[in-house]
C-alpha atoms as a PDB file:
ATOM      1  CA  MET A   1      90.749  50.537  81.676  1.00  0.00           C
ATOM      2  CA  THR A   2      94.433  50.429  80.632  1.00  0.00           C
ATOM      3  CA  ASP A   3      97.029  49.026  83.047  1.00  0.00           C
ATOM      4  CA  LEU A   4      98.389  52.593  83.566  1.00  0.00           C
ATOM      5  CA  ALA A   5      94.998  53.766  84.192  1.00  0.00           C
ATOM      6  CA  HIS A   6      94.129  50.966  86.470  1.00  0.00           C
ATOM      7  CA  LEU A   7      97.419  52.023  88.383  1.00  0.00           C
ATOM      8  CA  ALA A   8      97.034  55.848  88.417  1.00  0.00           C
ATOM      9  CA  GLN A   9      93.257  55.071  89.670  1.00  0.00           C
ATOM     10  CA  THR A  10      94.604  53.056  92.342  1.00  0.00           C
ATOM     11  CA  LEU A  11      96.978  55.558  93.555  1.00  0.00           C
ATOM     12  CA  VAL A  12      94.848  58.406  93.351  1.00  0.00           C
ATOM     13  CA  SER A  13      92.189  56.579  95.374  1.00  0.00           C
ATOM     14  CA  GLN A  14      94.619  55.297  98.044  1.00  0.00           C
ATOM     15  CA  LEU A  15      96.272  58.702  98.302  1.00  0.00           C
ATOM     16  CA  THR A  16      92.942  60.295  99.043  1.00  0.00           C
ATOM     17  CA  ARG A  17      92.395  58.050 101.476  1.00  0.00           C
ATOM     18  CA  THR A  18      95.588  58.458 103.378  1.00  0.00           C
ATOM     19  CA  GLY A  19      95.326  62.356 102.732  1.00  0.00           C
ATOM     20  CA  LYS A  20      99.034  62.238 101.077  1.00  0.00           C
ATOM     21  CA  MET A  21     100.370  64.000  97.740  1.00  0.00           C
ATOM     22  CA  VAL A  22     103.070  63.061  95.178  1.00  0.00           C
ATOM     23  CA  ALA A  23     105.404  65.036  93.044  1.00  0.00           C
ATOM     24  CA  THR A  24     107.477  63.693  89.961  1.00  0.00           C
ATOM     25  CA  ALA A  25     110.617  64.777  88.534  1.00  0.00           C
ATOM     26  CA  GLU A  26     110.712  63.333  84.951  1.00  0.00           C
ATOM     27  CA  SER A  27     113.418  63.450  82.215  1.00  0.00           C
ATOM     28  CA  CYS A  28     112.987  60.285  79.607  1.00  0.00           C
ATOM     29  CA  THR A  29     109.042  60.172  80.194  1.00  0.00           C
ATOM     30  CA  GLY A  30     108.514  64.067  79.486  1.00  0.00           C
ATOM     31  CA  GLY A  31     105.966  64.384  82.028  1.00  0.00           C
ATOM     32  CA  MET A  32     103.858  61.035  81.257  1.00  0.00           C
ATOM     33  CA  ILE A  33     103.882  60.081  85.068  1.00  0.00           C
ATOM     34  CA  ALA A  34     102.059  63.307  86.004  1.00  0.00           C
ATOM     35  CA  SER A  35      99.801  62.972  83.033  1.00  0.00           C
ATOM     36  CA  THR A  36      98.862  59.761  83.709  1.00  0.00           C
ATOM     37  CA  ILE A  37      97.982  60.915  87.032  1.00  0.00           C
ATOM     38  CA  THR A  38      95.979  63.794  86.111  1.00  0.00           C
ATOM     39  CA  ASP A  39      94.005  61.656  83.727  1.00  0.00           C
ATOM     40  CA  ILE A  40      92.125  60.449  86.980  1.00  0.00           C
ATOM     41  CA  ALA A  41      89.283  62.415  88.449  1.00  0.00           C
ATOM     42  CA  GLY A  42      90.344  63.991  91.917  1.00  0.00           C
ATOM     43  CA  SER A  43      93.971  63.917  91.232  1.00  0.00           C
ATOM     44  CA  SER A  44      94.272  67.342  92.066  1.00  0.00           C
ATOM     45  CA  ASN A  45      93.952  66.298  95.859  1.00  0.00           C
ATOM     46  CA  VAL A  46      97.111  63.945  95.341  1.00  0.00           C
ATOM     47  CA  LEU A  47      99.386  65.605  92.721  1.00  0.00           C
ATOM     48  CA  ASP A  48     101.183  68.786  94.257  1.00  0.00           C
ATOM     49  CA  ARG A  49     103.369  69.180  90.777  1.00  0.00           C
ATOM     50  CA  GLY A  50     105.575  67.753  88.329  1.00  0.00           C
ATOM     51  CA  PHE A  51     108.894  68.883  87.279  1.00  0.00           C
ATOM     52  CA  VAL A  52     109.768  67.761  83.599  1.00  0.00           C
ATOM     53  CA  THR A  53     113.564  68.123  83.764  1.00  0.00           C
ATOM     54  CA  TYR A  54     114.793  67.065  80.253  1.00  0.00           C
ATOM     55  CA  SER A  55     118.038  69.090  79.902  1.00  0.00           C
ATOM     56  CA  ASN A  56     121.104  69.088  82.603  1.00  0.00           C
ATOM     57  CA  GLU A  57     120.161  72.650  82.756  1.00  0.00           C
ATOM     58  CA  ALA A  58     116.980  72.070  84.140  1.00  0.00           C
ATOM     59  CA  LYS A  59     117.723  69.267  86.582  1.00  0.00           C
ATOM     60  CA  GLN A  60     120.121  71.786  88.022  1.00  0.00           C
ATOM     61  CA  ASP A  61     117.936  74.778  87.883  1.00  0.00           C
ATOM     62  CA  MET A  62     114.402  73.374  89.065  1.00  0.00           C
ATOM     63  CA  ILE A  63     115.291  70.535  91.333  1.00  0.00           C
ATOM     64  CA  GLY A  64     118.756  71.428  92.273  1.00  0.00           C
ATOM     65  CA  VAL A  65     120.774  68.473  91.122  1.00  0.00           C
ATOM     66  CA  SER A  66     124.507  69.217  91.516  1.00  0.00           C
ATOM     67  CA  PRO A  67     126.381  69.920  88.412  1.00  0.00           C
ATOM     68  CA  ALA A  68     129.297  68.033  90.090  1.00  0.00           C
ATOM     69  CA  THR A  69     127.257  64.853  89.861  1.00  0.00           C
ATOM     70  CA  LEU A  70     126.108  65.375  86.426  1.00  0.00           C
ATOM     71  CA  ASP A  71     129.641  65.750  85.329  1.00  0.00           C
ATOM     72  CA  ALA A  72     130.576  62.763  87.440  1.00  0.00           C
ATOM     73  CA  HIS A  73     128.021  60.161  86.700  1.00  0.00           C
ATOM     74  CA  GLY A  74     126.048  61.707  83.999  1.00  0.00           C
ATOM     75  CA  ALA A  75     122.236  62.443  83.571  1.00  0.00           C
ATOM     76  CA  VAL A  76     121.416  58.883  83.459  1.00  0.00           C
ATOM     77  CA  SER A  77     122.492  57.603  86.670  1.00  0.00           C
ATOM     78  CA  ALA A  78     121.408  56.461  90.149  1.00  0.00           C
ATOM     79  CA  GLN A  79     123.178  59.725  91.612  1.00  0.00           C
ATOM     80  CA  THR A  80     121.211  62.109  89.414  1.00  0.00           C
ATOM     81  CA  ALA A  81     117.902  59.878  89.877  1.00  0.00           C
ATOM     82  CA  ILE A  82     118.198  60.377  93.773  1.00  0.00           C
ATOM     83  CA  GLU A  83     119.248  63.983  93.649  1.00  0.00           C
ATOM     84  CA  MET A  84     116.059  64.656  91.455  1.00  0.00           C
ATOM     85  CA  ALA A  85     113.873  62.815  93.546  1.00  0.00           C
ATOM     86  CA  GLU A  86     115.161  64.689  96.907  1.00  0.00           C
ATOM     87  CA  GLY A  87     115.064  67.818  94.948  1.00  0.00           C
ATOM     88  CA  ALA A  88     111.579  67.425  93.861  1.00  0.00           C
ATOM     89  CA  LEU A  89     110.571  66.554  97.300  1.00  0.00           C
ATOM     90  CA  ALA A  90     112.327  69.335  98.960  1.00  0.00           C
ATOM     91  CA  ARG A  91     110.648  71.852  96.324  1.00  0.00           C
ATOM     92  CA  SER A  92     107.151  70.525  96.948  1.00  0.00           C
ATOM     93  CA  ARG A  93     104.429  70.111  99.620  1.00  0.00           C
ATOM     94  CA  ALA A  94     104.225  66.348  98.736  1.00  0.00           C
ATOM     95  CA  GLU A  95     105.151  63.383 101.195  1.00  0.00           C
ATOM     96  CA  PHE A  96     106.583  61.039  98.200  1.00  0.00           C
ATOM     97  CA  ALA A  97     108.549  62.218  95.226  1.00  0.00           C
ATOM     98  CA  VAL A  98     109.670  59.926  92.142  1.00  0.00           C
ATOM     99  CA  SER A  99     112.046  60.546  89.462  1.00  0.00           C
ATOM    100  CA  VAL A 100     113.156  58.977  86.187  1.00  0.00           C
ATOM    101  CA  THR A 101     115.986  59.477  84.032  1.00  0.00           C
ATOM    102  CA  GLY A 102     116.753  57.096  81.388  1.00  0.00           C
ATOM    103  CA  VAL A 103     117.682  56.350  77.652  1.00  0.00           C
ATOM    104  CA  ALA A 104     114.131  55.868  75.957  1.00  0.00           C
ATOM    105  CA  GLY A 105     116.120  55.414  72.410  1.00  0.00           C
ATOM    106  CA  PRO A 106     116.022  54.692  69.360  1.00  0.00           C
ATOM    107  CA  GLY A 107     119.536  56.360  69.739  1.00  0.00           C
ATOM    108  CA  GLY A 108     121.756  57.639  72.486  1.00  0.00           C
ATOM    109  CA  GLY A 109     122.563  54.379  74.123  1.00  0.00           C
ATOM    110  CA  SER A 110     126.175  53.029  74.651  1.00  0.00           C
ATOM    111  CA  TYR A 111     127.540  50.076  76.044  1.00  0.00           C
ATOM    112  CA  GLU A 112     127.505  51.354  79.521  1.00  0.00           C
ATOM    113  CA  LYS A 113     123.957  52.873  79.319  1.00  0.00           C
ATOM    114  CA  PRO A 114     122.032  51.037  76.692  1.00  0.00           C
ATOM    115  CA  VAL A 115     118.708  51.874  75.261  1.00  0.00           C
ATOM    116  CA  GLY A 116     116.260  50.872  77.975  1.00  0.00           C
ATOM    117  CA  LEU A 117     118.331  51.644  81.011  1.00  0.00           C
ATOM    118  CA  VAL A 118     116.174  53.981  83.500  1.00  0.00           C
ATOM    119  CA  HIS A 119     117.233  54.984  87.035  1.00  0.00           C
ATOM    120  CA  MET A 120     114.255  55.564  89.002  1.00  0.00           C
ATOM    121  CA  ALA A 121     113.948  57.142  92.637  1.00  0.00           C
ATOM    122  CA  LEU A 122     111.601  57.384  95.322  1.00  0.00           C
ATOM    123  CA  ALA A 123     112.207  60.089  98.028  1.00  0.00           C
ATOM    124  CA  ALA A 124     109.831  60.018 101.253  1.00  0.00           C
ATOM    125  CA  ARG A 125     109.624  62.865 103.732  1.00  0.00           C
ATOM    126  CA  GLY A 126     111.330  61.349 106.938  1.00  0.00           C
ATOM    127  CA  GLY A 127     112.757  58.569 104.844  1.00  0.00           C
ATOM    128  CA  ALA A 128     115.696  56.990 103.256  1.00  0.00           C
ATOM    129  CA  THR A 129     115.593  57.630  99.199  1.00  0.00           C
ATOM    130  CA  LYS A 130     115.277  54.264  97.121  1.00  0.00           C
ATOM    131  CA  HIS A 131     116.774  53.913  93.886  1.00  0.00           C
ATOM    132  CA  THR A 132     115.892  51.221  91.404  1.00  0.00           C
ATOM    133  CA  GLU A 133     117.708  50.267  88.080  1.00  0.00           C
ATOM    134  CA  LEU A 134     115.499  49.191  85.242  1.00  0.00           C
ATOM    135  CA  ARG A 135     116.618  47.227  82.374  1.00  0.00           C
ATOM    136  CA  PHE A 136     113.706  47.116  79.675  1.00  0.00           C
ATOM    137  CA  GLY A 137     116.062  46.333  76.580  1.00  0.00           C
ATOM    138  CA  ASP A 138     115.561  48.049  73.264  1.00  0.00           C
ATOM    139  CA  ILE A 139     111.756  47.437  73.204  1.00  0.00           C
ATOM    140  CA  GLY A 140     111.002  50.876  71.376  1.00  0.00           C
ATOM    141  CA  ARG A 141     110.787  54.298  72.943  1.00  0.00           C
ATOM    142  CA  ASP A 142     106.893  54.241  73.677  1.00  0.00           C
ATOM    143  CA  ALA A 143     107.381  50.899  75.217  1.00  0.00           C
ATOM    144  CA  ILE A 144     110.284  52.160  77.329  1.00  0.00           C
ATOM    145  CA  ARG A 145     108.664  55.210  78.627  1.00  0.00           C
ATOM    146  CA  LYS A 146     105.057  53.369  79.098  1.00  0.00           C
ATOM    147  CA  ALA A 147     107.215  50.631  81.109  1.00  0.00           C
ATOM    148  CA  THR A 148     108.794  53.381  83.067  1.00  0.00           C
ATOM    149  CA  VAL A 149     105.373  55.046  83.964  1.00  0.00           C
ATOM    150  CA  SER A 150     104.310  51.833  85.116  1.00  0.00           C
ATOM    151  CA  GLU A 151     107.295  51.187  87.502  1.00  0.00           C
ATOM    152  CA  ALA A 152     106.761  54.434  89.114  1.00  0.00           C
ATOM    153  CA  LEU A 153     103.065  54.400  89.873  1.00  0.00           C
ATOM    154  CA  LYS A 154     103.686  50.893  91.304  1.00  0.00           C
ATOM    155  CA  ALA A 155     106.537  52.477  93.450  1.00  0.00           C
ATOM    156  CA  LEU A 156     104.102  55.624  94.767  1.00  0.00           C
ATOM    157  CA  ILE A 157     101.529  53.023  95.453  1.00  0.00           C
ATOM    158  CA  ALA A 158     104.062  50.700  97.308  1.00  0.00           C
ATOM    159  CA  ALA A 159     105.520  53.762  99.203  1.00  0.00           C
ATOM    160  CA  ASP A 160     102.248  54.835 100.719  1.00  0.00           C
ATOM    161  CA  LYS A 161     101.179  51.406 101.620  1.00  0.00           C
ATOM    162  CA  ASP A 162     104.539  50.913 103.615  1.00  0.00           C
ATOM    163  CA  ALA A 163     103.987  54.383 105.085  1.00  0.00           C
ATOM    164  CA  SER A 164     100.601  53.754 106.038  1.00  0.00           C
END
């Protein structure tokens, strides 16, 4: 079992025990977090929905990210990640929503936002939204995306443990 599969199995088992659900809002991972969760039998009990919001328009239309936030901070920002997580939570039946937005490369990076930069946020019903800045470096597109999925699954596992 791969590390990602093990994390997903842990999440599905834990959420099944606690009776909670999650939602995802993904940009740079393009649905990989939700896909990794749904690879596990029983995931239909714990994954409410996933939003793949690759374009700025999708972020606005599907999960309510403010055009002003995108204009002021860009798609790859703490502010956008927080609005993505909060929007996914508001538009789901989940207790937790995780969001990721970043620069997976190989191009598209800048000095301020280099390849390997990912902003992740986790929103919880009745709790504060937490933001994490991840800097993986230019380790390759696939590795950046897999590392992001790993961090998102770990964050969801920790959030459920903290809430239980």
